[in-house]
Amino acid sequence: MYYYLPDTSAATEPPRQLAKSCPYIISRAEWGAKDANPPLVPLTETPGHVYIHHGATPPDGCHSTGLCKAMVRAYQNFHQISRGWSDIAYSFLIGEDGMAYEGRGWTNVGGHTKGHNHDGLGFCVIGDYTHRVPDAAALNTLLALIQCGVDSGYITPDYILLGHRDTAPNHTVCPGDAFYPVIQTWPHYNSTN
């Protein structure tokens, strides 16, 4: 049984205990996150959307927890230093090691989907899925993490699942040409919303 205590520095309510069905989530402290600067902004409503992303690097993804932690730190550095954002953009990241990594977490506004950061959580699979699909370990963890959010009250039960490209079709191919058709087969996918 795993329990997760989210970073509550920006939260306005006490943290909830995650449902028993939740996968283990590697905390920000465990992967070596830097502090958000400025501090993160709490979500004001339970998100009704789930946005699926790929990190686009490295091409082969990450298959060990050590490498995945290093990639999550690299993503955070890129977002904070190169992009000038307050923190890593995603709510959670998933590696092909089968582990979930806390980004901005369940309760904070993300920076993952322009125009939609207040209405949904962003889940990023580490790697480039233009020419291949994430492995079963990553896909199973991603689906379990989304269900965890629903079961724990952090995502509405009637949520809508979208790929990043559904929100900006002329600006991105995220979550990758190979991965995108997979998510279109998942429950709650609905590109018309």
N, C-alpha and C. Protein backbone atom coordinates (compact mmCIF):
# COMPACT_ATOMS: atom_id res chain seq x y z
N MET A 1 0.84 -1.17 0.00
CA MET A 1 0.00 0.00 0.00
C MET A 1 0.88 1.24 0.00
N TYR A 2 0.63 2.13 -0.92
CA TYR A 2 1.40 3.36 -1.02
C TYR A 2 0.50 4.55 -0.76
N TYR A 3 1.04 5.51 -0.07
CA TYR A 3 0.33 6.75 0.17
C TYR A 3 1.19 7.89 -0.32
N TYR A 4 0.58 8.94 -0.69
CA TYR A 4 1.27 10.05 -1.29
C TYR A 4 0.80 11.32 -0.62
N LEU A 5 1.73 12.13 -0.21
CA LEU A 5 1.39 13.44 0.34
C LEU A 5 1.87 14.49 -0.64
N PRO A 6 0.96 15.18 -1.30
CA PRO A 6 1.36 16.15 -2.31
C PRO A 6 2.02 17.37 -1.70
N ASP A 7 2.76 18.09 -2.55
CA ASP A 7 3.31 19.38 -2.15
C ASP A 7 2.14 20.32 -1.93
N THR A 8 1.95 20.76 -0.71
CA THR A 8 0.78 21.58 -0.39
C THR A 8 1.14 23.05 -0.21
N SER A 9 2.32 23.45 -0.70
CA SER A 9 2.73 24.84 -0.50
C SER A 9 1.76 25.83 -1.12
N ALA A 10 1.07 25.43 -2.21
CA ALA A 10 0.12 26.33 -2.84
C ALA A 10 -1.32 25.87 -2.64
N ALA A 11 -1.52 24.77 -1.97
CA ALA A 11 -2.87 24.23 -1.80
C ALA A 11 -3.65 25.04 -0.77
N THR A 12 -4.95 25.13 -1.00
CA THR A 12 -5.80 25.87 -0.08
C THR A 12 -6.60 24.95 0.82
N GLU A 13 -6.54 23.66 0.59
CA GLU A 13 -7.27 22.70 1.41
C GLU A 13 -6.29 21.65 1.89
N PRO A 14 -6.62 20.96 2.96
CA PRO A 14 -5.71 19.90 3.43
C PRO A 14 -5.59 18.80 2.38
N PRO A 15 -4.42 18.14 2.29
CA PRO A 15 -4.27 17.07 1.30
C PRO A 15 -5.19 15.90 1.61
N ARG A 16 -5.68 15.28 0.56
CA ARG A 16 -6.50 14.08 0.70
C ARG A 16 -5.59 12.87 0.65
N GLN A 17 -6.02 11.81 1.29
CA GLN A 17 -5.30 10.55 1.16
C GLN A 17 -5.68 9.95 -0.19
N LEU A 18 -4.71 9.44 -0.90
CA LEU A 18 -5.00 8.84 -2.20
C LEU A 18 -5.71 7.50 -2.02
N ALA A 19 -6.49 7.16 -3.03
CA ALA A 19 -7.21 5.89 -3.03
C ALA A 19 -6.24 4.72 -2.96
N LYS A 20 -6.70 3.60 -2.44
CA LYS A 20 -5.85 2.41 -2.29
C LYS A 20 -5.39 1.86 -3.64
N SER A 21 -6.11 2.19 -4.70
CA SER A 21 -5.77 1.68 -6.03
C SER A 21 -4.63 2.45 -6.70
N CYS A 22 -4.16 3.51 -6.09
CA CYS A 22 -3.17 4.39 -6.73
C CYS A 22 -1.79 3.75 -6.84
N PRO A 23 -1.10 4.03 -7.96
CA PRO A 23 0.28 3.58 -8.06
C PRO A 23 1.17 4.45 -7.18
N TYR A 24 2.37 3.95 -6.91
CA TYR A 24 3.34 4.74 -6.16
C TYR A 24 3.73 5.95 -7.00
N ILE A 25 3.80 7.11 -6.39
CA ILE A 25 4.20 8.34 -7.07
C ILE A 25 5.50 8.82 -6.44
N ILE A 26 6.52 8.97 -7.27
CA ILE A 26 7.80 9.49 -6.79
C ILE A 26 7.63 10.99 -6.57
N SER A 27 7.84 11.41 -5.34
CA SER A 27 7.60 12.81 -4.96
C SER A 27 8.66 13.73 -5.55
N ARG A 28 8.36 15.00 -5.50
CA ARG A 28 9.32 16.01 -5.96
C ARG A 28 10.64 15.89 -5.19
N ALA A 29 10.55 15.67 -3.89
CA ALA A 29 11.77 15.53 -3.09
C ALA A 29 12.58 14.32 -3.56
N GLU A 30 11.89 13.23 -3.89
CA GLU A 30 12.59 12.01 -4.31
C GLU A 30 13.31 12.16 -5.65
N TRP A 31 12.76 12.95 -6.58
CA TRP A 31 13.47 13.13 -7.86
C TRP A 31 14.37 14.36 -7.87
N GLY A 32 14.37 15.13 -6.79
CA GLY A 32 15.30 16.25 -6.68
C GLY A 32 14.81 17.54 -7.30
N ALA A 33 13.52 17.82 -7.17
CA ALA A 33 12.96 19.04 -7.75
C ALA A 33 13.51 20.29 -7.08
N LYS A 34 13.62 21.33 -7.89
CA LYS A 34 13.90 22.66 -7.35
C LYS A 34 12.55 23.29 -6.99
N ASP A 35 12.57 24.29 -6.15
CA ASP A 35 11.35 24.99 -5.79
C ASP A 35 10.78 25.74 -6.99
N ALA A 36 9.47 25.86 -7.02
CA ALA A 36 8.82 26.69 -8.02
C ALA A 36 9.12 28.15 -7.70
N ASN A 37 9.32 28.96 -8.73
CA ASN A 37 9.61 30.38 -8.53
C ASN A 37 9.00 31.17 -9.67
N PRO A 38 7.92 31.92 -9.45
CA PRO A 38 7.25 32.12 -8.17
C PRO A 38 6.46 30.88 -7.76
N PRO A 39 5.93 30.89 -6.52
CA PRO A 39 5.17 29.73 -6.03
C PRO A 39 4.01 29.39 -6.96
N LEU A 40 3.61 28.13 -6.92
CA LEU A 40 2.52 27.65 -7.77
C LEU A 40 1.18 28.20 -7.30
N VAL A 41 0.24 28.23 -8.22
CA VAL A 41 -1.11 28.73 -7.97
C VAL A 41 -2.05 27.54 -7.82
N PRO A 42 -2.88 27.50 -6.77
CA PRO A 42 -3.79 26.36 -6.61
C PRO A 42 -4.93 26.38 -7.62
N LEU A 43 -5.35 25.20 -8.02
CA LEU A 43 -6.56 25.09 -8.84
C LEU A 43 -7.76 25.50 -8.01
N THR A 44 -8.74 26.11 -8.64
CA THR A 44 -9.92 26.56 -7.91
C THR A 44 -11.08 25.58 -8.01
N GLU A 45 -11.01 24.63 -8.95
CA GLU A 45 -12.06 23.63 -9.13
C GLU A 45 -11.42 22.28 -9.43
N THR A 46 -12.16 21.23 -9.20
CA THR A 46 -11.68 19.90 -9.56
C THR A 46 -11.63 19.81 -11.08
N PRO A 47 -10.47 19.48 -11.65
CA PRO A 47 -10.33 19.45 -13.11
C PRO A 47 -11.26 18.44 -13.78
N GLY A 48 -11.80 18.83 -14.92
CA GLY A 48 -12.67 17.98 -15.70
C GLY A 48 -12.03 17.52 -17.00
N HIS A 49 -10.74 17.84 -17.17
CA HIS A 49 -10.02 17.43 -18.37
C HIS A 49 -8.69 16.79 -17.99
N VAL A 50 -8.27 15.86 -18.83
CA VAL A 50 -6.97 15.22 -18.72
C VAL A 50 -6.29 15.42 -20.07
N TYR A 51 -5.09 16.00 -20.05
CA TYR A 51 -4.33 16.27 -21.27
C TYR A 51 -3.10 15.37 -21.31
N ILE A 52 -2.95 14.65 -22.42
CA ILE A 52 -1.85 13.70 -22.57
C ILE A 52 -0.75 14.33 -23.44
N HIS A 53 0.48 14.22 -22.95
CA HIS A 53 1.66 14.79 -23.62
C HIS A 53 2.75 13.75 -23.75
N HIS A 54 3.72 14.06 -24.61
CA HIS A 54 5.01 13.36 -24.56
C HIS A 54 6.07 14.44 -24.40
N GLY A 55 7.18 14.07 -23.81
CA GLY A 55 8.23 15.06 -23.58
C GLY A 55 9.05 15.37 -24.80
N ALA A 56 8.97 14.52 -25.83
CA ALA A 56 9.68 14.64 -27.10
C ALA A 56 11.17 14.32 -27.00
N THR A 57 11.70 14.17 -25.82
CA THR A 57 13.09 13.72 -25.63
C THR A 57 13.15 12.87 -24.37
N PRO A 58 14.08 11.96 -24.26
CA PRO A 58 14.94 11.44 -25.33
C PRO A 58 14.15 10.49 -26.23
N PRO A 59 14.66 10.21 -27.44
CA PRO A 59 13.91 9.36 -28.35
C PRO A 59 13.58 7.99 -27.77
N ASP A 60 14.49 7.44 -26.99
CA ASP A 60 14.29 6.10 -26.44
C ASP A 60 13.58 6.10 -25.10
N GLY A 61 13.11 7.24 -24.61
CA GLY A 61 12.44 7.31 -23.32
C GLY A 61 13.42 7.04 -22.19
N CYS A 62 12.90 6.59 -21.08
CA CYS A 62 13.76 6.22 -19.94
C CYS A 62 13.22 4.92 -19.36
N HIS A 63 14.12 3.99 -19.11
CA HIS A 63 13.71 2.65 -18.67
C HIS A 63 14.23 2.30 -17.28
N SER A 64 14.97 3.20 -16.67
CA SER A 64 15.43 2.98 -15.29
C SER A 64 15.01 4.19 -14.46
N THR A 65 14.76 3.97 -13.20
CA THR A 65 14.31 5.06 -12.35
C THR A 65 15.37 6.14 -12.24
N GLY A 66 16.65 5.77 -12.22
CA GLY A 66 17.71 6.77 -12.17
C GLY A 66 17.69 7.68 -13.38
N LEU A 67 17.55 7.10 -14.57
CA LEU A 67 17.50 7.90 -15.79
C LEU A 67 16.23 8.72 -15.84
N CYS A 68 15.11 8.15 -15.43
CA CYS A 68 13.84 8.89 -15.44
C CYS A 68 13.91 10.10 -14.51
N LYS A 69 14.47 9.93 -13.33
CA LYS A 69 14.63 11.06 -12.41
C LYS A 69 15.47 12.15 -13.06
N ALA A 70 16.55 11.75 -13.74
CA ALA A 70 17.42 12.73 -14.41
C ALA A 70 16.65 13.45 -15.51
N MET A 71 15.81 12.73 -16.25
CA MET A 71 15.03 13.37 -17.31
C MET A 71 14.00 14.33 -16.75
N VAL A 72 13.36 13.97 -15.63
CA VAL A 72 12.39 14.88 -15.01
C VAL A 72 13.11 16.17 -14.57
N ARG A 73 14.30 16.03 -13.99
CA ARG A 73 15.08 17.23 -13.62
C ARG A 73 15.45 18.05 -14.86
N ALA A 74 15.79 17.36 -15.95
CA ALA A 74 16.12 18.07 -17.20
C ALA A 74 14.91 18.82 -17.74
N TYR A 75 13.74 18.20 -17.69
CA TYR A 75 12.52 18.88 -18.12
C TYR A 75 12.28 20.12 -17.26
N GLN A 76 12.45 19.97 -15.93
CA GLN A 76 12.24 21.12 -15.05
C GLN A 76 13.23 22.23 -15.39
N ASN A 77 14.49 21.89 -15.59
CA ASN A 77 15.48 22.90 -15.95
C ASN A 77 15.11 23.60 -17.25
N PHE A 78 14.70 22.84 -18.25
CA PHE A 78 14.30 23.43 -19.53
C PHE A 78 13.12 24.38 -19.35
N HIS A 79 12.13 23.97 -18.60
CA HIS A 79 10.95 24.80 -18.41
C HIS A 79 11.26 26.05 -17.60
N GLN A 80 12.06 25.92 -16.56
CA GLN A 80 12.36 27.07 -15.71
C GLN A 80 13.39 27.99 -16.35
N ILE A 81 14.45 27.43 -16.90
CA ILE A 81 15.55 28.26 -17.40
C ILE A 81 15.32 28.72 -18.83
N SER A 82 15.05 27.78 -19.73
CA SER A 82 14.88 28.15 -21.14
C SER A 82 13.55 28.82 -21.43
N ARG A 83 12.49 28.33 -20.80
CA ARG A 83 11.16 28.88 -21.05
C ARG A 83 10.79 30.02 -20.11
N GLY A 84 11.46 30.08 -18.96
CA GLY A 84 11.16 31.14 -17.99
C GLY A 84 9.89 30.89 -17.19
N TRP A 85 9.46 29.63 -17.11
CA TRP A 85 8.25 29.28 -16.37
C TRP A 85 8.61 29.07 -14.91
N SER A 86 7.61 29.09 -14.05
CA SER A 86 7.86 28.97 -12.61
C SER A 86 8.32 27.58 -12.20
N ASP A 87 7.94 26.56 -12.96
CA ASP A 87 8.23 25.18 -12.57
C ASP A 87 8.08 24.27 -13.78
N ILE A 88 8.32 22.99 -13.57
CA ILE A 88 8.03 22.00 -14.60
C ILE A 88 6.55 22.15 -14.97
N ALA A 89 6.24 22.01 -16.24
CA ALA A 89 4.89 22.33 -16.71
C ALA A 89 3.84 21.31 -16.32
N TYR A 90 4.22 20.03 -16.27
CA TYR A 90 3.25 18.95 -16.17
C TYR A 90 2.80 18.68 -14.73
N SER A 91 1.60 18.17 -14.61
CA SER A 91 1.10 17.74 -13.31
C SER A 91 1.84 16.49 -12.86
N PHE A 92 2.00 15.53 -13.78
CA PHE A 92 2.71 14.28 -13.51
C PHE A 92 3.44 13.85 -14.75
N LEU A 93 4.51 13.08 -14.54
CA LEU A 93 5.27 12.50 -15.63
C LEU A 93 5.33 11.00 -15.40
N ILE A 94 5.43 10.24 -16.49
CA ILE A 94 5.44 8.79 -16.40
C ILE A 94 6.61 8.28 -17.21
N GLY A 95 7.39 7.37 -16.63
CA GLY A 95 8.53 6.80 -17.33
C GLY A 95 8.24 5.38 -17.79
N GLU A 96 9.07 4.91 -18.71
CA GLU A 96 8.95 3.53 -19.14
C GLU A 96 9.59 2.57 -18.13
N ASP A 97 9.95 3.11 -16.99
CA ASP A 97 10.30 2.27 -15.84
C ASP A 97 9.05 1.87 -15.07
N GLY A 98 7.89 2.38 -15.51
CA GLY A 98 6.62 2.06 -14.87
C GLY A 98 6.33 2.90 -13.65
N MET A 99 7.07 3.98 -13.47
CA MET A 99 6.89 4.84 -12.30
C MET A 99 6.24 6.16 -12.70
N ALA A 100 5.51 6.74 -11.75
CA ALA A 100 4.91 8.06 -11.90
C ALA A 100 5.73 9.05 -11.09
N TYR A 101 5.89 10.25 -11.62
CA TYR A 101 6.70 11.30 -11.00
C TYR A 101 5.84 12.54 -10.80
N GLU A 102 5.85 13.07 -9.60
CA GLU A 102 5.08 14.27 -9.30
C GLU A 102 5.71 15.48 -9.96
N GLY A 103 4.91 16.20 -10.74
CA GLY A 103 5.33 17.49 -11.29
C GLY A 103 4.71 18.57 -10.42
N ARG A 104 3.71 19.26 -10.96
CA ARG A 104 2.99 20.26 -10.15
C ARG A 104 1.94 19.61 -9.27
N GLY A 105 1.66 18.35 -9.49
CA GLY A 105 0.77 17.61 -8.61
C GLY A 105 -0.71 17.78 -8.92
N TRP A 106 -1.52 17.27 -8.00
CA TRP A 106 -2.97 17.22 -8.17
C TRP A 106 -3.65 18.57 -8.00
N THR A 107 -3.08 19.46 -7.21
CA THR A 107 -3.83 20.64 -6.76
C THR A 107 -3.37 21.97 -7.32
N ASN A 108 -2.36 21.98 -8.19
CA ASN A 108 -1.82 23.24 -8.70
C ASN A 108 -2.09 23.42 -10.19
N VAL A 109 -2.25 24.66 -10.59
CA VAL A 109 -2.40 25.00 -12.01
C VAL A 109 -1.11 24.61 -12.72
N GLY A 110 -1.24 23.95 -13.85
CA GLY A 110 -0.08 23.54 -14.63
C GLY A 110 0.34 24.60 -15.63
N GLY A 111 1.31 24.22 -16.44
CA GLY A 111 1.77 25.05 -17.55
C GLY A 111 1.88 24.21 -18.80
N HIS A 112 1.07 23.17 -18.89
CA HIS A 112 1.19 22.12 -19.89
C HIS A 112 0.39 22.34 -21.17
N THR A 113 -0.75 23.00 -21.10
CA THR A 113 -1.65 23.10 -22.25
C THR A 113 -2.19 24.52 -22.33
N LYS A 114 -1.58 25.34 -23.15
CA LYS A 114 -1.94 26.75 -23.23
C LYS A 114 -3.45 26.93 -23.38
N GLY A 115 -3.99 27.77 -22.52
CA GLY A 115 -5.42 28.04 -22.53
C GLY A 115 -6.26 27.03 -21.76
N HIS A 116 -5.62 25.97 -21.25
CA HIS A 116 -6.36 24.90 -20.57
C HIS A 116 -5.70 24.47 -19.26
N ASN A 117 -4.81 25.25 -18.75
CA ASN A 117 -4.10 24.85 -17.52
C ASN A 117 -4.98 24.91 -16.28
N HIS A 118 -6.05 25.69 -16.32
CA HIS A 118 -6.95 25.81 -15.17
C HIS A 118 -8.06 24.76 -15.17
N ASP A 119 -8.28 24.09 -16.31
CA ASP A 119 -9.41 23.16 -16.38
C ASP A 119 -8.99 21.69 -16.42
N GLY A 120 -7.69 21.43 -16.40
CA GLY A 120 -7.27 20.04 -16.49
C GLY A 120 -5.87 19.79 -15.95
N LEU A 121 -5.56 18.52 -15.82
CA LEU A 121 -4.23 18.10 -15.40
C LEU A 121 -3.48 17.59 -16.62
N GLY A 122 -2.17 17.80 -16.64
CA GLY A 122 -1.33 17.38 -17.75
C GLY A 122 -0.46 16.20 -17.36
N PHE A 123 -0.56 15.11 -18.11
CA PHE A 123 0.22 13.89 -17.87
C PHE A 123 1.17 13.69 -19.04
N CYS A 124 2.46 13.66 -18.76
CA CYS A 124 3.49 13.57 -19.79
C CYS A 124 4.22 12.24 -19.68
N VAL A 125 4.28 11.51 -20.79
CA VAL A 125 5.11 10.31 -20.83
C VAL A 125 6.49 10.75 -21.33
N ILE A 126 7.51 10.42 -20.55
CA ILE A 126 8.87 10.83 -20.85
C ILE A 126 9.35 10.10 -22.11
N GLY A 127 9.77 10.86 -23.12
CA GLY A 127 10.28 10.28 -24.36
C GLY A 127 9.59 10.86 -25.57
N ASP A 128 10.01 10.38 -26.74
CA ASP A 128 9.47 10.83 -28.02
C ASP A 128 8.65 9.69 -28.62
N TYR A 129 7.36 9.94 -28.84
CA TYR A 129 6.47 8.89 -29.34
C TYR A 129 5.92 9.23 -30.73
N THR A 130 6.81 9.81 -31.53
CA THR A 130 6.49 10.09 -32.92
C THR A 130 6.45 8.81 -33.74
N HIS A 131 7.39 7.91 -33.47
CA HIS A 131 7.53 6.70 -34.28
C HIS A 131 7.27 5.41 -33.51
N ARG A 132 7.00 5.51 -32.24
CA ARG A 132 6.72 4.30 -31.46
C ARG A 132 5.76 4.65 -30.33
N VAL A 133 5.15 3.63 -29.76
CA VAL A 133 4.19 3.79 -28.65
C VAL A 133 4.95 3.55 -27.34
N PRO A 134 4.61 4.25 -26.27
CA PRO A 134 5.22 3.94 -24.97
C PRO A 134 5.01 2.48 -24.62
N ASP A 135 5.94 1.93 -23.83
CA ASP A 135 5.81 0.52 -23.46
C ASP A 135 4.63 0.29 -22.51
N ALA A 136 4.32 -0.99 -22.30
CA ALA A 136 3.16 -1.36 -21.48
C ALA A 136 3.28 -0.84 -20.06
N ALA A 137 4.50 -0.82 -19.51
CA ALA A 137 4.68 -0.33 -18.14
C ALA A 137 4.25 1.13 -18.03
N ALA A 138 4.65 1.95 -18.99
CA ALA A 138 4.27 3.37 -18.97
C ALA A 138 2.77 3.54 -19.18
N LEU A 139 2.22 2.84 -20.15
CA LEU A 139 0.78 2.98 -20.44
C LEU A 139 -0.07 2.54 -19.24
N ASN A 140 0.30 1.42 -18.64
CA ASN A 140 -0.46 0.94 -17.48
C ASN A 140 -0.38 1.91 -16.32
N THR A 141 0.79 2.48 -16.08
CA THR A 141 0.94 3.45 -14.99
C THR A 141 0.16 4.72 -15.29
N LEU A 142 0.20 5.18 -16.53
CA LEU A 142 -0.56 6.38 -16.90
C LEU A 142 -2.05 6.18 -16.67
N LEU A 143 -2.58 5.07 -17.13
CA LEU A 143 -4.01 4.80 -16.94
C LEU A 143 -4.35 4.65 -15.45
N ALA A 144 -3.48 3.98 -14.71
CA ALA A 144 -3.71 3.83 -13.27
C ALA A 144 -3.66 5.17 -12.55
N LEU A 145 -2.77 6.06 -12.97
CA LEU A 145 -2.64 7.37 -12.35
C LEU A 145 -3.89 8.23 -12.61
N ILE A 146 -4.40 8.17 -13.82
CA ILE A 146 -5.64 8.91 -14.12
C ILE A 146 -6.78 8.37 -13.26
N GLN A 147 -6.91 7.04 -13.18
CA GLN A 147 -7.96 6.45 -12.35
C GLN A 147 -7.76 6.81 -10.89
N CYS A 148 -6.52 6.87 -10.45
CA CYS A 148 -6.19 7.30 -9.09
C CYS A 148 -6.74 8.71 -8.83
N GLY A 149 -6.55 9.60 -9.81
CA GLY A 149 -7.07 10.96 -9.66
C GLY A 149 -8.57 11.01 -9.52
N VAL A 150 -9.25 10.16 -10.30
CA VAL A 150 -10.71 10.08 -10.20
C VAL A 150 -11.12 9.51 -8.85
N ASP A 151 -10.52 8.37 -8.48
CA ASP A 151 -10.88 7.69 -7.24
C ASP A 151 -10.57 8.52 -6.00
N SER A 152 -9.60 9.41 -6.10
CA SER A 152 -9.18 10.24 -4.96
C SER A 152 -9.85 11.61 -4.95
N GLY A 153 -10.69 11.89 -5.95
CA GLY A 153 -11.42 13.16 -5.99
C GLY A 153 -10.65 14.32 -6.59
N TYR A 154 -9.55 14.04 -7.29
CA TYR A 154 -8.75 15.10 -7.90
C TYR A 154 -9.10 15.34 -9.37
N ILE A 155 -9.89 14.44 -9.98
CA ILE A 155 -10.37 14.56 -11.35
C ILE A 155 -11.84 14.18 -11.33
N THR A 156 -12.68 14.93 -12.03
CA THR A 156 -14.10 14.61 -12.05
C THR A 156 -14.33 13.25 -12.72
N PRO A 157 -15.32 12.48 -12.25
CA PRO A 157 -15.57 11.16 -12.85
C PRO A 157 -15.95 11.22 -14.32
N ASP A 158 -16.52 12.32 -14.78
CA ASP A 158 -16.93 12.45 -16.17
C ASP A 158 -15.91 13.23 -17.00
N TYR A 159 -14.65 13.16 -16.62
CA TYR A 159 -13.60 13.93 -17.28
C TYR A 159 -13.54 13.64 -18.78
N ILE A 160 -12.95 14.58 -19.50
CA ILE A 160 -12.70 14.44 -20.93
C ILE A 160 -11.20 14.30 -21.12
N LEU A 161 -10.78 13.30 -21.87
CA LEU A 161 -9.38 13.05 -22.15
C LEU A 161 -9.05 13.55 -23.55
N LEU A 162 -7.96 14.29 -23.67
CA LEU A 162 -7.51 14.83 -24.95
C LEU A 162 -6.01 14.72 -25.07
N GLY A 163 -5.54 14.67 -26.30
CA GLY A 163 -4.12 14.83 -26.56
C GLY A 163 -3.82 16.32 -26.64
N HIS A 164 -2.59 16.69 -26.35
CA HIS A 164 -2.20 18.09 -26.42
C HIS A 164 -2.55 18.67 -27.79
N ARG A 165 -2.35 17.91 -28.86
CA ARG A 165 -2.62 18.41 -30.21
C ARG A 165 -4.08 18.75 -30.44
N ASP A 166 -4.97 18.16 -29.66
CA ASP A 166 -6.39 18.48 -29.81
C ASP A 166 -6.69 19.92 -29.44
N THR A 167 -5.85 20.53 -28.61
CA THR A 167 -6.07 21.91 -28.18
C THR A 167 -5.33 22.92 -29.04
N ALA A 168 -4.35 22.46 -29.82
CA ALA A 168 -3.54 23.35 -30.66
C ALA A 168 -3.10 22.60 -31.91
N PRO A 169 -4.06 22.21 -32.76
CA PRO A 169 -3.73 21.32 -33.89
C PRO A 169 -2.74 21.90 -34.89
N ASN A 170 -2.63 23.20 -34.97
CA ASN A 170 -1.70 23.80 -35.91
C ASN A 170 -0.35 24.12 -35.30
N HIS A 171 -0.18 23.82 -33.99
CA HIS A 171 1.05 24.21 -33.30
C HIS A 171 1.83 23.06 -32.69
N THR A 172 1.24 21.88 -32.58
CA THR A 172 1.95 20.76 -31.97
C THR A 172 1.43 19.43 -32.49
N VAL A 173 2.30 18.44 -32.48
CA VAL A 173 1.89 17.07 -32.81
C VAL A 173 1.93 16.20 -31.56
N CYS A 174 2.11 16.81 -30.42
CA CYS A 174 2.14 16.15 -29.12
C CYS A 174 0.79 15.46 -28.88
N PRO A 175 0.74 14.24 -28.43
CA PRO A 175 1.75 13.39 -27.82
C PRO A 175 2.51 12.47 -28.76
N GLY A 176 2.66 12.84 -30.01
CA GLY A 176 3.41 12.03 -30.97
C GLY A 176 2.49 11.25 -31.89
N ASP A 177 2.91 11.11 -33.14
CA ASP A 177 2.08 10.47 -34.16
C ASP A 177 1.77 9.01 -33.87
N ALA A 178 2.67 8.30 -33.22
CA ALA A 178 2.40 6.89 -32.90
C ALA A 178 1.52 6.74 -31.67
N PHE A 179 1.72 7.61 -30.68
CA PHE A 179 1.00 7.52 -29.41
C PHE A 179 -0.43 8.07 -29.52
N TYR A 180 -0.62 9.09 -30.32
CA TYR A 180 -1.93 9.76 -30.41
C TYR A 180 -3.07 8.80 -30.77
N PRO A 181 -2.92 7.91 -31.76
CA PRO A 181 -4.03 6.99 -32.05
C PRO A 181 -4.38 6.06 -30.89
N VAL A 182 -3.40 5.77 -30.03
CA VAL A 182 -3.65 4.90 -28.87
C VAL A 182 -4.60 5.60 -27.91
N ILE A 183 -4.32 6.86 -27.58
CA ILE A 183 -5.17 7.55 -26.59
C ILE A 183 -6.58 7.77 -27.13
N GLN A 184 -6.72 7.79 -28.45
CA GLN A 184 -8.05 7.97 -29.05
C GLN A 184 -8.95 6.76 -28.79
N THR A 185 -8.38 5.65 -28.39
CA THR A 185 -9.17 4.44 -28.09
C THR A 185 -9.53 4.35 -26.61
N TRP A 186 -9.01 5.25 -25.79
CA TRP A 186 -9.21 5.16 -24.35
C TRP A 186 -10.56 5.74 -23.93
N PRO A 187 -11.11 5.22 -22.81
CA PRO A 187 -12.36 5.79 -22.29
C PRO A 187 -12.18 7.29 -22.03
N HIS A 188 -13.19 8.03 -22.25
CA HIS A 188 -13.27 9.46 -21.99
C HIS A 188 -12.61 10.32 -23.07
N TYR A 189 -11.96 9.70 -24.07
CA TYR A 189 -11.39 10.51 -25.14
C TYR A 189 -12.55 11.13 -25.93
N ASN A 190 -12.47 12.44 -26.16
CA ASN A 190 -13.52 13.12 -26.92
C ASN A 190 -12.96 14.43 -27.46
N SER A 191 -12.51 14.42 -28.71
CA SER A 191 -11.88 15.60 -29.28
C SER A 191 -12.87 16.70 -29.63
N THR A 192 -14.17 16.44 -29.51
CA THR A 192 -15.16 17.48 -29.85
C THR A 192 -15.39 18.42 -28.68
N ASN A 193 -14.79 18.15 -27.52
CA ASN A 193 -14.99 19.02 -26.34
C ASN A 193 -13.73 19.77 -26.02
